[in-house]
N, C-alpha and C. Protein backbone atom coordinates (compact mmCIF):
# COMPACT_ATOMS: atom_id res chain seq x y z
N MET A 1 -16.72 10.90 12.54
CA MET A 1 -15.80 11.00 11.41
C MET A 1 -14.19 10.43 11.73
N LYS A 2 -14.17 10.91 13.08
CA LYS A 2 -12.85 10.34 13.46
C LYS A 2 -12.61 8.81 13.38
N GLN A 3 -13.70 8.42 14.08
CA GLN A 3 -13.64 6.67 14.12
C GLN A 3 -13.35 6.24 12.53
N PHE A 4 -14.16 6.92 11.67
CA PHE A 4 -14.35 6.61 10.13
C PHE A 4 -12.60 6.37 9.69
N PHE A 5 -12.03 7.65 9.92
CA PHE A 5 -10.82 7.74 9.59
C PHE A 5 -9.57 6.70 10.20
N ALA A 6 -10.19 6.47 11.36
CA ALA A 6 -8.99 5.84 12.14
C ALA A 6 -9.44 4.44 11.57
N ARG A 7 -10.49 3.45 11.22
CA ARG A 7 -10.69 2.43 10.90
C ARG A 7 -10.13 2.19 9.54
N GLU A 8 -10.14 3.39 8.91
CA GLU A 8 -9.73 3.32 7.33
C GLU A 8 -8.13 3.31 7.51
N PHE A 9 -7.55 3.91 8.40
CA PHE A 9 -6.18 4.16 8.62
C PHE A 9 -5.66 2.44 9.06
N ILE A 10 -6.53 1.93 9.70
CA ILE A 10 -6.07 0.70 10.30
C ILE A 10 -6.43 -0.15 9.23
N TRP A 11 -6.97 0.01 8.30
CA TRP A 11 -7.31 -1.20 7.23
C TRP A 11 -6.05 -0.86 6.17
N LEU A 12 -5.58 0.34 6.02
CA LEU A 12 -4.53 0.65 4.99
C LEU A 12 -3.23 0.10 5.60
N ILE A 13 -3.03 -0.05 6.94
CA ILE A 13 -1.98 -0.68 7.23
C ILE A 13 -2.10 -2.27 7.14
N ALA A 14 -3.38 -2.55 7.18
CA ALA A 14 -3.39 -3.62 7.25
C ALA A 14 -3.17 -4.47 5.60
N ALA A 15 -3.45 -3.62 4.74
CA ALA A 15 -3.49 -3.88 3.38
C ALA A 15 -1.77 -3.84 2.96
N PHE A 16 -1.15 -2.73 3.88
CA PHE A 16 0.37 -2.88 3.55
C PHE A 16 0.85 -4.39 4.26
N MET A 17 0.44 -4.52 5.34
CA MET A 17 1.09 -5.75 5.95
C MET A 17 0.68 -6.97 5.19
N ILE A 18 -0.02 -7.19 4.37
CA ILE A 18 -0.39 -8.42 3.54
C ILE A 18 0.07 -8.08 2.29
N GLY A 19 -0.02 -6.79 1.74
CA GLY A 19 0.64 -6.50 0.62
C GLY A 19 2.38 -6.81 0.38
N ILE A 20 3.14 -6.60 1.31
CA ILE A 20 4.60 -7.15 1.35
C ILE A 20 4.85 -8.30 1.44
N PRO A 21 4.06 -9.39 1.82
CA PRO A 21 4.52 -10.61 1.61
C PRO A 21 3.75 -11.14 0.77
N SER A 22 2.66 -10.84 -0.10
CA SER A 22 2.02 -11.17 -1.24
C SER A 22 2.87 -10.56 -2.49
N GLY A 23 3.74 -9.72 -2.60
CA GLY A 23 4.43 -9.29 -3.33
C GLY A 23 5.69 -10.72 -3.73
N PHE A 24 6.43 -10.91 -2.57
CA PHE A 24 7.28 -11.96 -2.47
C PHE A 24 6.89 -13.39 -2.78
N ILE A 25 5.37 -13.62 -2.55
CA ILE A 25 4.95 -14.71 -2.75
C ILE A 25 4.41 -15.03 -4.51
N PHE A 26 4.30 -13.67 -5.06
CA PHE A 26 4.10 -13.64 -6.32
C PHE A 26 5.56 -13.94 -6.91
N LEU A 27 6.23 -13.32 -6.63
CA LEU A 27 7.85 -13.72 -7.31
C LEU A 27 8.27 -15.04 -6.97
N TRP A 28 7.90 -15.56 -6.01
CA TRP A 28 8.15 -17.01 -5.64
C TRP A 28 7.32 -18.20 -6.84
N MET A 29 5.99 -17.67 -6.85
CA MET A 29 5.29 -18.39 -7.95
C MET A 29 5.76 -18.41 -9.34
N LEU A 30 6.41 -17.32 -9.78
CA LEU A 30 6.77 -17.03 -11.07
C LEU A 30 8.27 -17.83 -11.34
N ASP A 31 9.22 -17.87 -10.26
CA ASP A 31 9.93 -18.75 -10.07
C ASP A 31 11.11 -18.41 -11.28
N LEU A 32 11.34 -16.97 -10.90
CA LEU A 32 12.46 -16.36 -11.91
C LEU A 32 13.66 -16.57 -11.62
N ARG A 33 14.77 -16.86 -12.64
CA ARG A 33 16.00 -17.13 -12.62
C ARG A 33 16.72 -16.00 -13.37
N THR A 34 17.98 -16.13 -12.74
CA THR A 34 19.08 -15.11 -13.70
C THR A 34 19.56 -15.68 -14.60
N LEU A 35 19.98 -14.93 -15.85
CA LEU A 35 20.77 -15.58 -16.95
C LEU A 35 22.36 -15.97 -16.35
N GLY A 36 23.02 -15.01 -15.69
CA GLY A 36 24.24 -15.24 -15.40
C GLY A 36 24.28 -15.74 -13.80
N GLU A 37 25.58 -15.46 -13.32
CA GLU A 37 25.87 -15.40 -12.10
C GLU A 37 25.01 -14.20 -10.98
N GLN A 38 25.31 -13.29 -11.48
CA GLN A 38 24.95 -12.03 -11.15
C GLN A 38 23.88 -11.53 -11.48
N ILE A 39 22.97 -10.87 -10.86
CA ILE A 39 21.74 -9.96 -11.44
C ILE A 39 22.45 -8.64 -12.32
N THR A 40 21.70 -8.69 -13.47
CA THR A 40 21.81 -7.48 -14.04
C THR A 40 21.23 -6.07 -13.79
N PHE A 41 21.35 -5.20 -14.20
CA PHE A 41 20.47 -4.08 -13.72
C PHE A 41 19.04 -4.08 -14.32
N ASP A 42 18.83 -4.68 -15.49
CA ASP A 42 17.60 -4.71 -16.21
C ASP A 42 16.69 -6.02 -15.59
N GLU A 43 17.58 -6.83 -14.94
CA GLU A 43 16.73 -8.03 -14.33
C GLU A 43 16.31 -7.29 -12.96
N SER A 44 17.33 -6.44 -12.13
CA SER A 44 16.72 -5.93 -11.17
C SER A 44 15.74 -5.35 -11.31
N VAL A 45 15.41 -4.47 -11.99
CA VAL A 45 14.43 -3.40 -12.55
C VAL A 45 13.42 -4.30 -12.76
N PHE A 46 13.28 -5.31 -13.56
CA PHE A 46 12.01 -6.14 -13.91
C PHE A 46 11.51 -6.97 -12.56
N PHE A 47 12.53 -7.28 -11.78
CA PHE A 47 12.30 -8.11 -10.77
C PHE A 47 11.50 -7.28 -9.47
N THR A 48 11.71 -5.75 -9.61
CA THR A 48 11.06 -4.80 -8.70
C THR A 48 9.79 -4.49 -8.98
N GLU A 49 9.74 -4.54 -10.52
CA GLU A 49 8.49 -4.04 -11.08
C GLU A 49 7.66 -5.43 -10.85
N LEU A 50 8.03 -6.73 -11.01
CA LEU A 50 7.08 -7.75 -10.68
C LEU A 50 6.53 -7.69 -9.30
N TYR A 51 7.46 -7.41 -8.39
CA TYR A 51 7.56 -7.42 -6.74
C TYR A 51 6.24 -6.48 -6.46
N LEU A 52 6.03 -5.27 -7.27
CA LEU A 52 5.41 -3.86 -7.25
C LEU A 52 3.86 -4.55 -7.65
N VAL A 53 3.91 -5.43 -8.51
CA VAL A 53 2.83 -5.86 -9.08
C VAL A 53 1.88 -6.59 -8.15
N GLY A 54 2.77 -7.53 -7.22
CA GLY A 54 2.19 -8.52 -6.52
C GLY A 54 1.79 -7.73 -5.14
N PHE A 55 2.40 -6.71 -4.82
CA PHE A 55 2.07 -5.91 -3.56
C PHE A 55 1.08 -5.07 -3.84
N ILE A 56 0.72 -4.67 -4.96
CA ILE A 56 -0.15 -3.63 -5.34
C ILE A 56 -1.69 -4.56 -5.37
N SER A 57 -1.36 -5.69 -6.10
CA SER A 57 -2.54 -6.64 -6.09
C SER A 57 -2.98 -7.41 -4.88
N GLY A 58 -2.01 -7.72 -3.67
CA GLY A 58 -2.76 -7.84 -2.44
C GLY A 58 -3.17 -6.76 -1.87
N MET A 59 -2.90 -5.51 -1.76
CA MET A 59 -3.50 -4.39 -1.15
C MET A 59 -4.78 -4.22 -2.00
N VAL A 60 -4.89 -4.33 -3.17
CA VAL A 60 -6.28 -4.48 -3.82
C VAL A 60 -7.58 -5.65 -3.38
N SER A 61 -6.78 -6.86 -3.17
CA SER A 61 -7.55 -7.92 -2.84
C SER A 61 -7.88 -7.71 -1.48
N VAL A 62 -7.20 -7.34 -0.55
CA VAL A 62 -7.97 -6.59 0.59
C VAL A 62 -8.95 -5.72 0.64
N TYR A 63 -9.04 -4.77 0.12
CA TYR A 63 -10.13 -3.79 -0.35
C TYR A 63 -11.41 -4.67 -0.87
N LEU A 64 -10.68 -5.45 -1.97
CA LEU A 64 -12.16 -5.99 -2.49
C LEU A 64 -12.51 -7.09 -1.69
N LEU A 65 -12.09 -7.77 -0.52
CA LEU A 65 -12.71 -8.66 0.15
C LEU A 65 -13.62 -7.85 1.28
N ARG A 66 -12.97 -6.49 1.53
CA ARG A 66 -13.85 -5.69 2.40
C ARG A 66 -15.00 -5.55 1.70
N LEU A 67 -15.22 -5.24 0.46
CA LEU A 67 -16.14 -4.80 -0.40
C LEU A 67 -17.23 -5.98 -0.29
N VAL A 68 -16.80 -7.11 -0.70
CA VAL A 68 -17.52 -8.18 -0.99
C VAL A 68 -18.04 -8.38 0.63
N ARG A 69 -17.41 -8.35 1.64
CA ARG A 69 -17.95 -8.66 3.09
C ARG A 69 -19.19 -7.77 3.42
N ALA A 70 -18.96 -6.52 3.00
CA ALA A 70 -19.95 -5.51 3.42
C ALA A 70 -20.92 -5.76 2.49
N SER A 71 -21.06 -6.36 1.44
CA SER A 71 -22.04 -6.43 0.24
C SER A 71 -22.99 -7.48 0.93
N ILE A 72 -22.14 -8.49 1.45
CA ILE A 72 -23.05 -9.59 1.72
C ILE A 72 -23.54 -9.49 3.16
N ILE A 73 -23.01 -8.54 3.94
CA ILE A 73 -23.46 -7.96 5.38
C ILE A 73 -24.81 -7.36 4.93
N THR A 74 -24.95 -6.44 4.19
CA THR A 74 -25.62 -5.46 3.48
C THR A 74 -27.11 -6.28 3.15
N ILE A 75 -26.83 -7.29 2.14
CA ILE A 75 -27.97 -8.06 1.76
C ILE A 75 -28.56 -8.94 2.80
N ALA A 76 -27.86 -9.44 3.73
CA ALA A 76 -28.11 -10.32 4.77
C ALA A 76 -28.88 -9.39 5.57
N ASN A 77 -28.75 -8.18 5.89
CA ASN A 77 -29.61 -7.54 6.90
C ASN A 77 -30.99 -7.14 6.22
N LYS A 78 -30.86 -7.07 4.85
CA LYS A 78 -32.13 -6.74 4.09
C LYS A 78 -33.08 -7.70 4.10
N LYS A 79 -32.60 -8.98 3.97
CA LYS A 79 -33.36 -10.21 3.74
C LYS A 79 -33.96 -10.63 5.31
N LYS A 80 -33.43 -9.93 6.38
CA LYS A 80 -33.41 -10.30 8.02
C LYS A 80 -34.64 -9.00 8.16
N GLU A 81 -34.68 -8.00 7.46
CA GLU A 81 -35.79 -7.24 8.06
C GLU A 81 -37.01 -7.27 7.28
N SER A 82 -37.41 -7.91 6.05
CA SER A 82 -38.23 -8.26 5.50
C SER A 82 -38.99 -9.64 5.58
């Protein structure tokens, strides 16, 4: 049981590490610009919300890839046994 929690904790850290740059990549792909010379409060809140969307989607993608990998391995093992 300890090994399971340790492995999940490592994957959570990996998801955070992948989520941080994916948030910045998401903002870079949107190529947002400010209206004036300085960022207004509303714009900074909007940029932060968009960063969080990219961050969360990066974390979710890590867990989805883990699920797909586990499914492929399970299917391959069942075909191997039969």
